[in-house]
Amino acid sequence: MTIVSDIFRSMSYGPAPESTARAEEWLDGHDRKFGHFIDGGWVEPSDGEWFDSINSAKDEFIAAVAQGSEADVDRAVAAARAAQAGWAALGGHQRARHLYAIARGIQRNSR
């Protein structure tokens, strides 16, 4: 009888069959640098600090990402509070339509 631990010991691991080409192309199209998304747009970090995101499997650079500061958090929270009134004023059906549209976009781009 085969047991799970035998199967795991015998499995040969290799690269995932999925290609990273589309993701790499998207990253290159954004110059591999990402700020904060606040109030509907990308903004630079207030203190100008960035950190590198690294693919640990290959020890390769993925992108530079904005390092958030207290000022960045305050700005994001203020934008969210300002948007809350409009979101709350929408009916449940309208909010659901927005959420389903986001989900469809994620599904469409995940393939």
N, C-alpha and C. Protein backbone atom coordinates (compact mmCIF):
# COMPACT_ATOMS: atom_id res chain seq x y z
N MET A 1 0.84 -1.18 0.00
CA MET A 1 0.00 0.00 0.00
C MET A 1 0.89 1.25 0.00
N THR A 2 0.56 2.21 -0.87
CA THR A 2 1.30 3.46 -0.95
C THR A 2 0.78 4.43 0.09
N ILE A 3 1.70 5.07 0.79
CA ILE A 3 1.30 6.08 1.76
C ILE A 3 1.78 7.45 1.29
N VAL A 4 1.16 8.48 1.80
CA VAL A 4 1.44 9.84 1.36
C VAL A 4 2.91 10.20 1.50
N SER A 5 3.53 9.82 2.61
CA SER A 5 4.93 10.18 2.81
C SER A 5 5.82 9.56 1.74
N ASP A 6 5.48 8.35 1.25
CA ASP A 6 6.24 7.74 0.16
C ASP A 6 6.10 8.55 -1.13
N ILE A 7 4.90 9.01 -1.38
CA ILE A 7 4.66 9.81 -2.58
C ILE A 7 5.48 11.10 -2.53
N PHE A 8 5.46 11.79 -1.39
CA PHE A 8 6.22 13.04 -1.26
C PHE A 8 7.71 12.81 -1.42
N ARG A 9 8.23 11.71 -0.88
CA ARG A 9 9.66 11.42 -1.00
C ARG A 9 10.06 11.14 -2.45
N SER A 10 9.15 10.58 -3.22
CA SER A 10 9.49 10.20 -4.59
C SER A 10 9.21 11.30 -5.62
N MET A 11 8.56 12.37 -5.21
CA MET A 11 8.22 13.42 -6.17
C MET A 11 9.47 14.17 -6.60
N SER A 12 9.60 14.38 -7.88
CA SER A 12 10.71 15.20 -8.34
C SER A 12 10.15 16.60 -8.60
N TYR A 13 10.80 17.56 -8.03
CA TYR A 13 10.33 18.94 -8.16
C TYR A 13 11.09 19.63 -9.27
N GLY A 14 10.39 20.46 -9.99
CA GLY A 14 11.00 21.20 -11.08
C GLY A 14 10.31 22.54 -11.20
N PRO A 15 10.64 23.25 -12.23
CA PRO A 15 10.02 24.56 -12.41
C PRO A 15 8.53 24.42 -12.70
N ALA A 16 7.79 25.41 -12.28
CA ALA A 16 6.36 25.41 -12.54
C ALA A 16 6.14 25.48 -14.05
N PRO A 17 5.10 24.83 -14.55
CA PRO A 17 4.88 24.83 -16.00
C PRO A 17 4.41 26.18 -16.54
N GLU A 18 3.95 27.06 -15.67
CA GLU A 18 3.46 28.36 -16.12
C GLU A 18 4.63 29.25 -16.52
N SER A 19 4.43 30.01 -17.54
CA SER A 19 5.44 30.94 -17.99
C SER A 19 5.30 32.25 -17.21
N THR A 20 6.42 32.88 -16.92
CA THR A 20 6.40 34.18 -16.25
C THR A 20 6.48 35.33 -17.26
N ALA A 21 6.44 35.00 -18.55
CA ALA A 21 6.65 36.01 -19.59
C ALA A 21 5.69 37.18 -19.48
N ARG A 22 4.39 36.92 -19.28
CA ARG A 22 3.42 38.02 -19.21
C ARG A 22 3.67 38.89 -17.98
N ALA A 23 3.98 38.27 -16.86
CA ALA A 23 4.25 39.03 -15.64
C ALA A 23 5.52 39.87 -15.81
N GLU A 24 6.56 39.27 -16.40
CA GLU A 24 7.81 40.01 -16.62
C GLU A 24 7.58 41.18 -17.56
N GLU A 25 6.78 40.97 -18.60
CA GLU A 25 6.45 42.04 -19.55
C GLU A 25 5.71 43.17 -18.85
N TRP A 26 4.75 42.81 -17.98
CA TRP A 26 3.98 43.82 -17.24
C TRP A 26 4.90 44.60 -16.31
N LEU A 27 5.78 43.90 -15.60
CA LEU A 27 6.72 44.58 -14.71
C LEU A 27 7.62 45.53 -15.49
N ASP A 28 8.13 45.07 -16.63
CA ASP A 28 8.98 45.92 -17.46
C ASP A 28 8.22 47.13 -17.97
N GLY A 29 6.94 46.95 -18.29
CA GLY A 29 6.12 48.05 -18.76
C GLY A 29 5.87 49.11 -17.69
N HIS A 30 6.11 48.75 -16.46
CA HIS A 30 5.97 49.70 -15.34
C HIS A 30 7.34 50.07 -14.76
N ASP A 31 8.39 49.83 -15.54
CA ASP A 31 9.76 50.14 -15.15
C ASP A 31 10.17 49.50 -13.83
N ARG A 32 9.43 48.45 -13.44
CA ARG A 32 9.75 47.68 -12.22
C ARG A 32 9.89 48.59 -10.99
N LYS A 33 9.02 49.59 -10.92
CA LYS A 33 9.03 50.50 -9.78
C LYS A 33 7.59 50.86 -9.43
N PHE A 34 7.21 50.65 -8.18
CA PHE A 34 5.83 50.85 -7.77
C PHE A 34 5.74 51.69 -6.51
N GLY A 35 5.00 52.80 -6.64
CA GLY A 35 4.74 53.67 -5.50
C GLY A 35 3.53 53.17 -4.74
N HIS A 36 2.94 54.06 -3.98
CA HIS A 36 1.72 53.75 -3.23
C HIS A 36 0.52 54.10 -4.10
N PHE A 37 -0.54 53.30 -4.01
CA PHE A 37 -1.77 53.62 -4.71
C PHE A 37 -2.69 54.27 -3.69
N ILE A 38 -2.80 55.60 -3.76
CA ILE A 38 -3.58 56.37 -2.79
C ILE A 38 -4.50 57.33 -3.54
N ASP A 39 -5.75 57.37 -3.12
CA ASP A 39 -6.73 58.30 -3.67
C ASP A 39 -6.86 58.17 -5.20
N GLY A 40 -6.84 56.92 -5.66
CA GLY A 40 -7.07 56.65 -7.07
C GLY A 40 -5.87 56.80 -7.98
N GLY A 41 -4.69 56.95 -7.42
CA GLY A 41 -3.51 57.10 -8.27
C GLY A 41 -2.23 56.68 -7.59
N TRP A 42 -1.20 56.46 -8.39
CA TRP A 42 0.11 56.08 -7.87
C TRP A 42 0.85 57.32 -7.40
N VAL A 43 1.42 57.25 -6.21
CA VAL A 43 2.18 58.37 -5.66
C VAL A 43 3.53 57.87 -5.14
N GLU A 44 4.49 58.76 -5.19
CA GLU A 44 5.83 58.47 -4.68
C GLU A 44 5.79 58.42 -3.15
N PRO A 45 6.68 57.68 -2.52
CA PRO A 45 6.72 57.69 -1.06
C PRO A 45 7.15 59.07 -0.56
N SER A 46 6.52 59.53 0.50
CA SER A 46 6.77 60.90 0.97
C SER A 46 8.21 61.12 1.40
N ASP A 47 8.87 60.09 1.90
CA ASP A 47 10.25 60.26 2.33
C ASP A 47 11.26 59.78 1.28
N GLY A 48 10.75 59.37 0.10
CA GLY A 48 11.64 58.97 -0.99
C GLY A 48 12.33 57.63 -0.81
N GLU A 49 11.86 56.83 0.14
CA GLU A 49 12.52 55.54 0.39
C GLU A 49 11.84 54.41 -0.37
N TRP A 50 12.67 53.50 -0.90
CA TRP A 50 12.22 52.34 -1.67
C TRP A 50 12.92 51.10 -1.13
N PHE A 51 12.34 49.94 -1.38
CA PHE A 51 13.04 48.70 -1.06
C PHE A 51 12.89 47.75 -2.25
N ASP A 52 13.83 46.84 -2.39
CA ASP A 52 13.80 45.89 -3.49
C ASP A 52 12.99 44.65 -3.11
N SER A 53 12.15 44.22 -4.03
CA SER A 53 11.46 42.95 -3.90
C SER A 53 12.28 41.94 -4.70
N ILE A 54 12.63 40.83 -4.06
CA ILE A 54 13.54 39.85 -4.65
C ILE A 54 12.83 38.51 -4.80
N ASN A 55 13.03 37.87 -5.95
CA ASN A 55 12.56 36.50 -6.15
C ASN A 55 13.54 35.60 -5.40
N SER A 56 13.12 35.08 -4.27
CA SER A 56 14.04 34.30 -3.43
C SER A 56 14.43 32.97 -4.06
N ALA A 57 13.61 32.44 -4.96
CA ALA A 57 13.96 31.17 -5.62
C ALA A 57 15.14 31.34 -6.56
N LYS A 58 15.27 32.52 -7.15
CA LYS A 58 16.35 32.76 -8.10
C LYS A 58 17.31 33.84 -7.64
N ASP A 59 17.02 34.45 -6.49
CA ASP A 59 17.81 35.56 -5.97
C ASP A 59 17.94 36.66 -7.02
N GLU A 60 16.78 37.00 -7.66
CA GLU A 60 16.76 38.01 -8.70
C GLU A 60 15.82 39.16 -8.31
N PHE A 61 16.18 40.35 -8.73
CA PHE A 61 15.39 41.55 -8.51
C PHE A 61 14.06 41.44 -9.25
N ILE A 62 12.96 41.78 -8.56
CA ILE A 62 11.64 41.82 -9.20
C ILE A 62 11.26 43.27 -9.47
N ALA A 63 11.23 44.08 -8.42
CA ALA A 63 10.82 45.48 -8.57
C ALA A 63 11.22 46.27 -7.34
N ALA A 64 11.28 47.59 -7.51
CA ALA A 64 11.47 48.50 -6.39
C ALA A 64 10.07 48.91 -5.92
N VAL A 65 9.87 48.87 -4.61
CA VAL A 65 8.56 49.14 -4.02
C VAL A 65 8.70 50.27 -3.01
N ALA A 66 7.72 51.17 -3.01
CA ALA A 66 7.74 52.31 -2.08
C ALA A 66 7.69 51.83 -0.63
N GLN A 67 8.55 52.41 0.19
CA GLN A 67 8.54 52.15 1.63
C GLN A 67 7.59 53.16 2.27
N GLY A 68 6.56 52.65 2.91
CA GLY A 68 5.58 53.53 3.53
C GLY A 68 6.09 54.18 4.80
N SER A 69 5.73 55.43 4.97
CA SER A 69 6.07 56.17 6.19
C SER A 69 4.77 56.51 6.92
N GLU A 70 4.90 57.08 8.07
CA GLU A 70 3.71 57.50 8.82
C GLU A 70 2.90 58.52 8.00
N ALA A 71 3.59 59.41 7.30
CA ALA A 71 2.89 60.40 6.47
C ALA A 71 2.12 59.72 5.34
N ASP A 72 2.69 58.67 4.75
CA ASP A 72 2.00 57.94 3.68
C ASP A 72 0.75 57.26 4.21
N VAL A 73 0.86 56.67 5.39
CA VAL A 73 -0.30 56.02 6.00
C VAL A 73 -1.38 57.05 6.30
N ASP A 74 -0.98 58.19 6.86
CA ASP A 74 -1.95 59.26 7.15
C ASP A 74 -2.67 59.72 5.88
N ARG A 75 -1.91 59.86 4.80
CA ARG A 75 -2.51 60.28 3.53
C ARG A 75 -3.50 59.24 3.01
N ALA A 76 -3.13 57.96 3.10
CA ALA A 76 -4.01 56.89 2.64
C ALA A 76 -5.28 56.80 3.49
N VAL A 77 -5.14 56.94 4.80
CA VAL A 77 -6.30 56.89 5.69
C VAL A 77 -7.23 58.08 5.42
N ALA A 78 -6.66 59.27 5.21
CA ALA A 78 -7.48 60.45 4.92
C ALA A 78 -8.25 60.25 3.61
N ALA A 79 -7.60 59.67 2.59
CA ALA A 79 -8.27 59.42 1.31
C ALA A 79 -9.39 58.40 1.48
N ALA A 80 -9.13 57.36 2.28
CA ALA A 80 -10.15 56.34 2.51
C ALA A 80 -11.34 56.92 3.27
N ARG A 81 -11.07 57.75 4.25
CA ARG A 81 -12.16 58.38 5.00
C ARG A 81 -13.00 59.29 4.10
N ALA A 82 -12.34 60.02 3.21
CA ALA A 82 -13.06 60.91 2.29
C ALA A 82 -13.93 60.11 1.32
N ALA A 83 -13.46 58.94 0.92
CA ALA A 83 -14.20 58.11 -0.03
C ALA A 83 -15.34 57.34 0.64
N GLN A 84 -15.25 57.15 1.93
CA GLN A 84 -16.23 56.33 2.65
C GLN A 84 -17.66 56.85 2.52
N ALA A 85 -17.85 58.14 2.58
CA ALA A 85 -19.20 58.70 2.50
C ALA A 85 -19.87 58.34 1.17
N GLY A 86 -19.14 58.46 0.09
CA GLY A 86 -19.69 58.12 -1.22
C GLY A 86 -19.99 56.63 -1.35
N TRP A 87 -19.10 55.79 -0.81
CA TRP A 87 -19.30 54.34 -0.84
C TRP A 87 -20.52 53.96 0.00
N ALA A 88 -20.63 54.54 1.17
CA ALA A 88 -21.75 54.22 2.05
C ALA A 88 -23.08 54.68 1.46
N ALA A 89 -23.05 55.75 0.65
CA ALA A 89 -24.27 56.26 0.05
C ALA A 89 -24.80 55.36 -1.06
N LEU A 90 -23.95 54.51 -1.61
CA LEU A 90 -24.40 53.57 -2.63
C LEU A 90 -25.27 52.49 -1.99
N GLY A 91 -26.21 52.01 -2.72
CA GLY A 91 -27.02 50.89 -2.24
C GLY A 91 -26.21 49.60 -2.31
N GLY A 92 -26.69 48.59 -1.64
CA GLY A 92 -26.01 47.29 -1.63
C GLY A 92 -25.83 46.72 -3.03
N HIS A 93 -26.83 46.87 -3.88
CA HIS A 93 -26.75 46.35 -5.25
C HIS A 93 -25.63 47.05 -6.02
N GLN A 94 -25.53 48.37 -5.86
CA GLN A 94 -24.48 49.11 -6.57
C GLN A 94 -23.09 48.73 -6.06
N ARG A 95 -22.95 48.57 -4.75
CA ARG A 95 -21.65 48.16 -4.21
C ARG A 95 -21.28 46.78 -4.72
N ALA A 96 -22.27 45.88 -4.77
CA ALA A 96 -22.01 44.52 -5.27
C ALA A 96 -21.55 44.55 -6.72
N ARG A 97 -22.14 45.42 -7.53
CA ARG A 97 -21.73 45.52 -8.93
C ARG A 97 -20.27 45.93 -9.06
N HIS A 98 -19.84 46.85 -8.21
CA HIS A 98 -18.43 47.27 -8.22
C HIS A 98 -17.53 46.09 -7.83
N LEU A 99 -17.90 45.38 -6.78
CA LEU A 99 -17.08 44.27 -6.30
C LEU A 99 -17.02 43.14 -7.32
N TYR A 100 -18.15 42.84 -7.97
CA TYR A 100 -18.14 41.81 -9.01
C TYR A 100 -17.29 42.23 -10.20
N ALA A 101 -17.31 43.51 -10.55
CA ALA A 101 -16.48 43.99 -11.65
C ALA A 101 -15.00 43.81 -11.33
N ILE A 102 -14.64 44.09 -10.09
CA ILE A 102 -13.25 43.88 -9.68
C ILE A 102 -12.90 42.41 -9.77
N ALA A 103 -13.77 41.56 -9.27
CA ALA A 103 -13.53 40.11 -9.31
C ALA A 103 -13.38 39.61 -10.75
N ARG A 104 -14.24 40.09 -11.65
CA ARG A 104 -14.14 39.69 -13.06
C ARG A 104 -12.81 40.12 -13.65
N GLY A 105 -12.36 41.32 -13.32
CA GLY A 105 -11.07 41.79 -13.81
C GLY A 105 -9.92 40.93 -13.32
N ILE A 106 -9.99 40.54 -12.06
CA ILE A 106 -8.94 39.66 -11.51
C ILE A 106 -8.96 38.32 -12.21
N GLN A 107 -10.15 37.75 -12.37
CA GLN A 107 -10.27 36.45 -13.06
C GLN A 107 -9.75 36.55 -14.50
N ARG A 108 -10.13 37.58 -15.21
CA ARG A 108 -9.74 37.75 -16.61
C ARG A 108 -8.22 37.84 -16.73
N ASN A 109 -7.59 38.53 -15.81
CA ASN A 109 -6.15 38.72 -15.88
C ASN A 109 -5.33 37.65 -15.20
N SER A 110 -5.99 36.68 -14.58
CA SER A 110 -5.26 35.63 -13.89
C SER A 110 -4.93 34.46 -14.81
N ARG A 111 -5.49 34.46 -16.00
CA ARG A 111 -5.27 33.33 -16.92
C ARG A 111 -4.03 33.55 -17.76
